N, C-alpha and C. Protein backbone atom coordinates (compact mmCIF):
# COMPACT_ATOMS: atom_id res chain seq x y z
N MET A 1 104.49 -142.80 228.72
CA MET A 1 104.52 -144.71 228.84
C MET A 1 105.41 -144.94 227.93
N ALA A 2 106.09 -145.77 227.90
CA ALA A 2 107.43 -146.72 227.56
C ALA A 2 106.85 -146.69 226.10
N ARG A 3 108.10 -147.04 225.02
CA ARG A 3 108.19 -146.92 223.79
C ARG A 3 108.66 -148.58 223.70
N SER A 4 107.72 -149.27 223.65
CA SER A 4 108.47 -151.19 223.02
C SER A 4 109.74 -150.91 222.00
N LYS A 5 110.48 -151.89 222.32
CA LYS A 5 111.85 -152.29 221.29
C LYS A 5 110.60 -152.79 220.31
N ASP A 6 111.51 -152.44 219.09
CA ASP A 6 110.90 -153.48 217.91
C ASP A 6 111.57 -154.46 217.60
N VAL A 7 110.65 -155.92 218.54
CA VAL A 7 111.29 -157.32 218.20
C VAL A 7 111.04 -157.63 217.31
N SER A 8 110.78 -157.43 215.97
CA SER A 8 110.87 -158.19 214.65
C SER A 8 111.85 -158.78 213.48
N PRO A 9 111.97 -159.41 213.56
CA PRO A 9 113.76 -160.69 212.83
C PRO A 9 113.72 -158.80 211.11
N LYS A 10 115.06 -159.00 211.51
CA LYS A 10 114.77 -158.15 209.98
C LYS A 10 115.61 -158.60 208.84
N CYS A 11 115.47 -158.35 208.37
CA CYS A 11 115.40 -159.42 206.56
C CYS A 11 116.61 -158.40 206.17
N ASP A 12 117.60 -159.45 205.56
CA ASP A 12 119.10 -159.16 205.55
C ASP A 12 119.34 -159.09 203.95
N ALA A 13 118.22 -158.83 203.21
CA ALA A 13 117.82 -158.88 201.29
C ALA A 13 117.98 -157.39 200.99
N THR A 14 118.79 -157.42 199.93
CA THR A 14 118.77 -155.56 199.72
C THR A 14 117.76 -155.63 198.66
N ALA A 15 117.71 -154.33 198.54
CA ALA A 15 116.82 -154.13 197.24
C ALA A 15 117.21 -154.47 196.28
N GLU A 16 118.26 -154.29 195.61
CA GLU A 16 118.86 -155.80 194.71
C GLU A 16 118.29 -157.11 194.78
N GLU A 17 118.69 -157.47 196.18
CA GLU A 17 118.05 -159.27 195.87
C GLU A 17 116.70 -159.54 195.69
N LEU A 18 115.84 -158.23 196.01
CA LEU A 18 114.25 -158.68 195.75
C LEU A 18 113.71 -158.54 194.31
N THR A 19 113.06 -159.77 193.37
CA THR A 19 112.25 -159.64 192.59
C THR A 19 110.98 -160.46 192.89
N LEU A 20 110.18 -159.40 192.18
CA LEU A 20 108.84 -160.24 192.04
C LEU A 20 108.38 -161.09 190.97
N PRO A 21 107.65 -161.60 191.23
CA PRO A 21 107.32 -163.28 190.34
C PRO A 21 106.87 -162.50 189.16
N GLU A 22 107.07 -163.24 187.75
CA GLU A 22 106.21 -163.12 186.49
C GLU A 22 105.22 -162.51 187.00
N VAL A 23 104.85 -161.73 185.94
CA VAL A 23 102.95 -161.41 185.81
C VAL A 23 102.17 -162.47 185.55
N ALA A 24 102.86 -163.61 184.90
CA ALA A 24 101.80 -164.72 184.29
C ALA A 24 101.64 -165.27 185.87
N PHE A 25 102.78 -165.69 186.37
CA PHE A 25 102.90 -167.00 187.79
C PHE A 25 102.38 -166.36 188.33
N ALA A 26 102.11 -164.69 189.18
CA ALA A 26 101.15 -164.47 190.34
C ALA A 26 99.52 -164.55 189.57
N GLU A 27 99.50 -164.33 188.40
CA GLU A 27 98.49 -164.24 187.82
C GLU A 27 97.25 -166.31 188.25
N ASP A 28 97.97 -166.73 187.50
CA ASP A 28 98.33 -168.11 187.46
C ASP A 28 97.15 -168.59 189.24
N LEU A 29 98.50 -167.62 190.19
CA LEU A 29 98.38 -168.24 191.38
C LEU A 29 97.17 -167.41 191.97
N ALA A 30 96.99 -166.05 191.87
CA ALA A 30 96.03 -166.11 192.43
C ALA A 30 94.87 -166.18 191.81
N LYS A 31 94.39 -166.87 190.87
CA LYS A 31 93.12 -167.14 190.15
C LYS A 31 92.34 -168.62 190.92
N LEU A 32 93.98 -169.79 190.84
CA LEU A 32 93.62 -170.63 191.49
C LEU A 32 93.89 -170.83 193.06
N THR A 33 94.26 -170.00 193.37
CA THR A 33 93.84 -170.14 195.04
C THR A 33 92.76 -169.28 195.76
N TRP A 34 92.47 -168.01 194.72
CA TRP A 34 90.84 -167.62 194.99
C TRP A 34 89.39 -168.91 194.47
N ALA A 35 89.68 -169.99 194.26
CA ALA A 35 89.11 -170.63 193.42
C ALA A 35 88.54 -171.70 194.78
N LEU A 36 89.99 -171.36 195.39
CA LEU A 36 89.79 -172.34 196.90
C LEU A 36 89.83 -171.17 197.90
N ALA A 37 89.21 -170.42 197.96
CA ALA A 37 88.99 -168.96 199.00
C ALA A 37 87.75 -169.00 200.06
N HIS A 38 87.11 -169.86 199.54
CA HIS A 38 85.82 -170.25 200.53
C HIS A 38 85.71 -172.30 200.60
N PRO A 39 85.57 -172.07 202.31
CA PRO A 39 85.28 -173.31 202.79
C PRO A 39 84.55 -174.15 202.42
N ALA A 40 83.63 -173.65 201.31
CA ALA A 40 82.19 -174.64 200.96
C ALA A 40 83.14 -175.05 199.21
N ARG A 41 84.25 -174.22 198.67
CA ARG A 41 84.85 -174.72 197.40
C ARG A 41 85.67 -175.50 197.88
N VAL A 42 86.60 -175.59 199.29
CA VAL A 42 87.68 -176.51 199.94
C VAL A 42 86.87 -178.31 199.77
N ARG A 43 85.58 -177.88 200.23
CA ARG A 43 85.17 -179.20 200.62
C ARG A 43 84.51 -179.80 198.98
N ILE A 44 83.89 -178.80 198.40
CA ILE A 44 83.25 -179.37 196.83
C ILE A 44 84.72 -180.33 196.71
N VAL A 45 86.37 -179.52 195.93
CA VAL A 45 87.14 -179.68 195.45
C VAL A 45 87.13 -181.00 196.59
N ARG A 46 87.73 -181.64 197.76
CA ARG A 46 87.64 -182.18 198.51
C ARG A 46 86.74 -183.71 198.05
N LEU A 47 85.09 -183.21 197.82
CA LEU A 47 84.38 -184.52 197.44
C LEU A 47 84.77 -184.91 196.21
N LEU A 48 85.26 -184.56 195.17
CA LEU A 48 85.32 -184.36 193.92
C LEU A 48 86.78 -185.46 194.05
N LEU A 49 87.90 -185.02 194.89
CA LEU A 49 88.91 -185.53 195.03
C LEU A 49 88.94 -187.12 195.70
N ASP A 50 87.61 -187.30 196.18
CA ASP A 50 87.70 -188.36 197.06
C ASP A 50 86.54 -189.40 196.14
N ARG A 51 86.18 -188.80 194.86
CA ARG A 51 85.08 -189.84 194.01
C ARG A 51 86.46 -190.48 192.74
N THR A 52 85.91 -191.84 192.11
CA THR A 52 86.56 -192.20 190.99
C THR A 52 85.69 -191.44 189.98
N SER A 53 84.72 -191.06 189.92
CA SER A 53 84.44 -190.65 188.84
C SER A 53 83.20 -189.39 189.04
N CYS A 54 82.28 -189.05 187.90
CA CYS A 54 81.92 -187.67 188.28
C CYS A 54 80.79 -187.44 189.43
N MET A 55 80.64 -186.45 189.22
CA MET A 55 79.35 -186.45 191.00
C MET A 55 78.09 -185.83 190.25
N CYS A 56 77.21 -185.38 190.37
CA CYS A 56 76.32 -184.80 190.02
C CYS A 56 75.35 -184.17 190.57
N GLY A 57 74.31 -184.69 190.77
CA GLY A 57 73.39 -184.20 192.34
C GLY A 57 73.73 -184.60 193.44
N GLU A 58 74.99 -185.67 193.65
CA GLU A 58 75.24 -185.77 195.16
C GLU A 58 75.83 -184.58 195.92
N ILE A 59 76.12 -184.14 195.16
CA ILE A 59 77.30 -182.50 195.35
C ILE A 59 76.15 -181.92 196.86
N VAL A 60 75.15 -181.61 196.08
CA VAL A 60 74.71 -180.90 196.83
C VAL A 60 73.79 -181.71 198.10
N ASP A 61 73.99 -183.05 198.26
CA ASP A 61 73.38 -183.52 199.39
C ASP A 61 74.38 -183.76 200.58
N GLU A 62 75.42 -183.54 199.48
CA GLU A 62 76.50 -183.86 200.70
C GLU A 62 77.05 -182.39 201.69
N MET A 63 76.41 -181.23 201.00
CA MET A 63 76.84 -179.83 201.33
C MET A 63 75.70 -179.56 202.10
N PRO A 64 75.85 -178.59 203.23
CA PRO A 64 75.00 -178.09 203.88
C PRO A 64 74.60 -177.07 203.50
N LEU A 65 74.37 -176.70 201.91
CA LEU A 65 73.81 -175.67 201.38
C LEU A 65 73.03 -175.52 200.65
N ALA A 66 72.41 -174.06 200.30
CA ALA A 66 71.36 -174.23 198.96
C ALA A 66 71.33 -174.75 197.62
N GLN A 67 70.94 -175.45 196.95
CA GLN A 67 71.23 -175.60 195.72
C GLN A 67 72.40 -174.71 194.50
N SER A 68 71.16 -173.51 195.10
CA SER A 68 71.49 -171.80 194.47
C SER A 68 73.25 -171.79 194.58
N THR A 69 73.70 -172.03 195.92
CA THR A 69 74.71 -171.48 196.87
C THR A 69 75.89 -172.59 196.22
N VAL A 70 75.55 -173.82 195.73
CA VAL A 70 76.23 -174.91 195.72
C VAL A 70 76.75 -174.66 194.38
N SER A 71 75.47 -173.94 193.29
CA SER A 71 75.71 -174.26 192.19
C SER A 71 76.22 -172.75 192.02
N GLN A 72 76.62 -172.14 192.75
CA GLN A 72 77.07 -170.22 192.64
C GLN A 72 78.73 -170.75 192.67
N HIS A 73 78.82 -171.74 193.89
CA HIS A 73 80.22 -172.33 194.12
C HIS A 73 81.12 -173.07 193.06
N LEU A 74 80.03 -174.57 192.30
CA LEU A 74 80.37 -174.99 191.55
C LEU A 74 80.65 -173.79 190.02
N LYS A 75 80.10 -173.06 190.33
CA LYS A 75 80.18 -172.12 188.69
C LYS A 75 81.58 -171.51 189.20
N ILE A 76 81.84 -170.99 190.28
CA ILE A 76 83.46 -170.21 189.98
C ILE A 76 84.15 -171.23 190.38
N LEU A 77 84.58 -172.46 190.50
CA LEU A 77 85.45 -173.35 190.19
C LEU A 77 85.29 -173.87 188.72
N LYS A 78 84.71 -173.73 188.25
CA LYS A 78 84.50 -174.02 186.73
C LYS A 78 85.53 -172.60 186.07
N GLU A 79 84.94 -171.80 186.00
CA GLU A 79 85.73 -170.44 185.43
C GLU A 79 86.87 -170.18 186.31
N THR A 80 87.18 -170.73 187.56
CA THR A 80 88.99 -170.79 187.18
C THR A 80 89.62 -172.36 186.27
N GLY A 81 88.81 -173.50 186.45
CA GLY A 81 89.48 -174.36 185.77
C GLY A 81 89.96 -175.57 186.67
N LEU A 82 89.77 -175.17 187.76
CA LEU A 82 90.03 -176.44 189.02
C LEU A 82 88.82 -177.54 188.86
N VAL A 83 87.19 -177.21 188.26
CA VAL A 83 86.86 -178.28 188.07
C VAL A 83 86.10 -177.96 186.63
N GLN A 84 86.30 -179.58 186.62
CA GLN A 84 85.05 -179.67 184.57
C GLN A 84 83.93 -180.07 184.77
N GLY A 85 83.00 -179.49 184.01
CA GLY A 85 81.72 -180.14 184.04
C GLY A 85 81.25 -180.75 182.60
N GLU A 86 80.81 -181.89 182.57
CA GLU A 86 79.98 -182.25 181.37
C GLU A 86 78.75 -182.75 181.72
N ILE A 87 77.70 -181.89 180.04
CA ILE A 87 76.61 -182.18 180.42
C ILE A 87 76.21 -183.05 180.33
N ASP A 88 75.34 -183.59 180.92
CA ASP A 88 74.51 -185.28 181.19
C ASP A 88 73.14 -184.94 181.16
N ARG A 89 72.34 -184.22 180.23
CA ARG A 89 71.31 -184.26 180.25
C ARG A 89 70.40 -185.05 181.20
N PRO A 90 69.65 -184.58 182.08
CA PRO A 90 69.14 -183.19 182.54
C PRO A 90 69.70 -182.39 183.48
N ARG A 91 71.35 -183.35 184.06
CA ARG A 91 72.06 -182.92 185.20
C ARG A 91 73.84 -182.43 184.33
N VAL A 92 74.35 -181.65 185.20
CA VAL A 92 75.65 -181.82 184.78
C VAL A 92 76.49 -182.17 185.52
N CYS A 93 77.48 -182.92 185.37
CA CYS A 93 78.15 -184.16 186.19
C CYS A 93 79.72 -183.51 186.16
N TYR A 94 80.37 -183.46 187.69
CA TYR A 94 81.36 -182.54 187.99
C TYR A 94 82.39 -183.57 188.19
N CYS A 95 83.74 -183.12 187.81
CA CYS A 95 84.97 -183.47 188.08
C CYS A 95 86.03 -182.77 188.14
N ILE A 96 86.98 -182.93 189.41
CA ILE A 96 88.64 -181.99 189.31
C ILE A 96 88.96 -182.30 187.79
N ASN A 97 89.66 -181.43 187.62
CA ASN A 97 90.20 -180.87 186.38
C ASN A 97 92.04 -180.89 186.53
N GLN A 98 92.27 -182.79 186.14
CA GLN A 98 93.32 -182.97 186.85
C GLN A 98 94.35 -182.15 186.47
N GLN A 99 94.55 -181.85 184.91
CA GLN A 99 96.03 -180.50 185.25
C GLN A 99 95.87 -179.23 185.86
N ALA A 100 94.28 -178.87 185.77
CA ALA A 100 94.53 -177.75 186.71
C ALA A 100 95.08 -177.86 188.45
N LEU A 101 94.52 -178.80 189.11
CA LEU A 101 94.97 -179.21 189.92
C LEU A 101 96.72 -179.47 189.87
N ALA A 102 97.56 -179.82 189.03
CA ALA A 102 98.92 -179.89 189.00
C ALA A 102 99.88 -179.26 189.20
N LYS A 103 98.98 -178.14 188.03
CA LYS A 103 99.52 -176.81 187.66
C LYS A 103 99.42 -176.07 189.39
N LEU A 104 97.85 -175.92 189.96
CA LEU A 104 98.13 -174.68 191.51
C LEU A 104 99.27 -176.19 191.94
N LYS A 105 99.74 -177.08 192.25
CA LYS A 105 100.39 -177.58 192.94
C LYS A 105 101.81 -177.12 192.65
N LYS A 106 102.14 -176.99 191.40
CA LYS A 106 103.59 -176.90 191.01
C LYS A 106 103.17 -175.07 191.44
N LEU A 107 102.46 -174.47 191.37
CA LEU A 107 102.71 -172.92 191.90
C LEU A 107 102.90 -172.59 193.19
N VAL A 108 101.67 -173.09 193.72
CA VAL A 108 102.17 -173.38 195.03
C VAL A 108 103.87 -173.73 196.02
N ALA A 109 104.17 -175.11 194.68
CA ALA A 109 105.76 -175.47 195.70
C ALA A 109 106.25 -174.16 195.05
N ASP A 110 106.46 -173.92 194.09
CA ASP A 110 107.10 -172.68 193.40
C ASP A 110 107.20 -171.21 194.30
N LEU A 111 106.24 -171.36 194.92
CA LEU A 111 106.38 -170.25 195.97
C LEU A 111 107.07 -169.71 196.06
C-alpha cells in the first residue's frame, strides 16, 4: 500500500513567533462562547435580541422544549452574564446584557 504525501499547508511561524493569549482573554472568551454552545441557547439569545423589552413566559412559548429545559438554558446564560433576569413576581423577565454581548463581540474580533 502506497503512502500518501502530506498535502497539508506548512506553517511558516517559528516557535518564537507563537504566543498564547492572555489567561483572562482565554477564560472570558471560553466562558461566553460556551454560553452559546447549544442551539437552544443561541435561539434564546436571538429571541431576546429581537425584542425591545424583557421577555418572561413567552420564551417557553417560542421554544420546542419543556419549561424546565428552557429554565436550565436561561440559568446557564445568566451565569455567564449574557442574559440578565429581573424578578417581577411571580415571574422573572429576561433580556440581553448589552455589555456582555459587546464584550463577546470584541473577544471574537480580537481572536
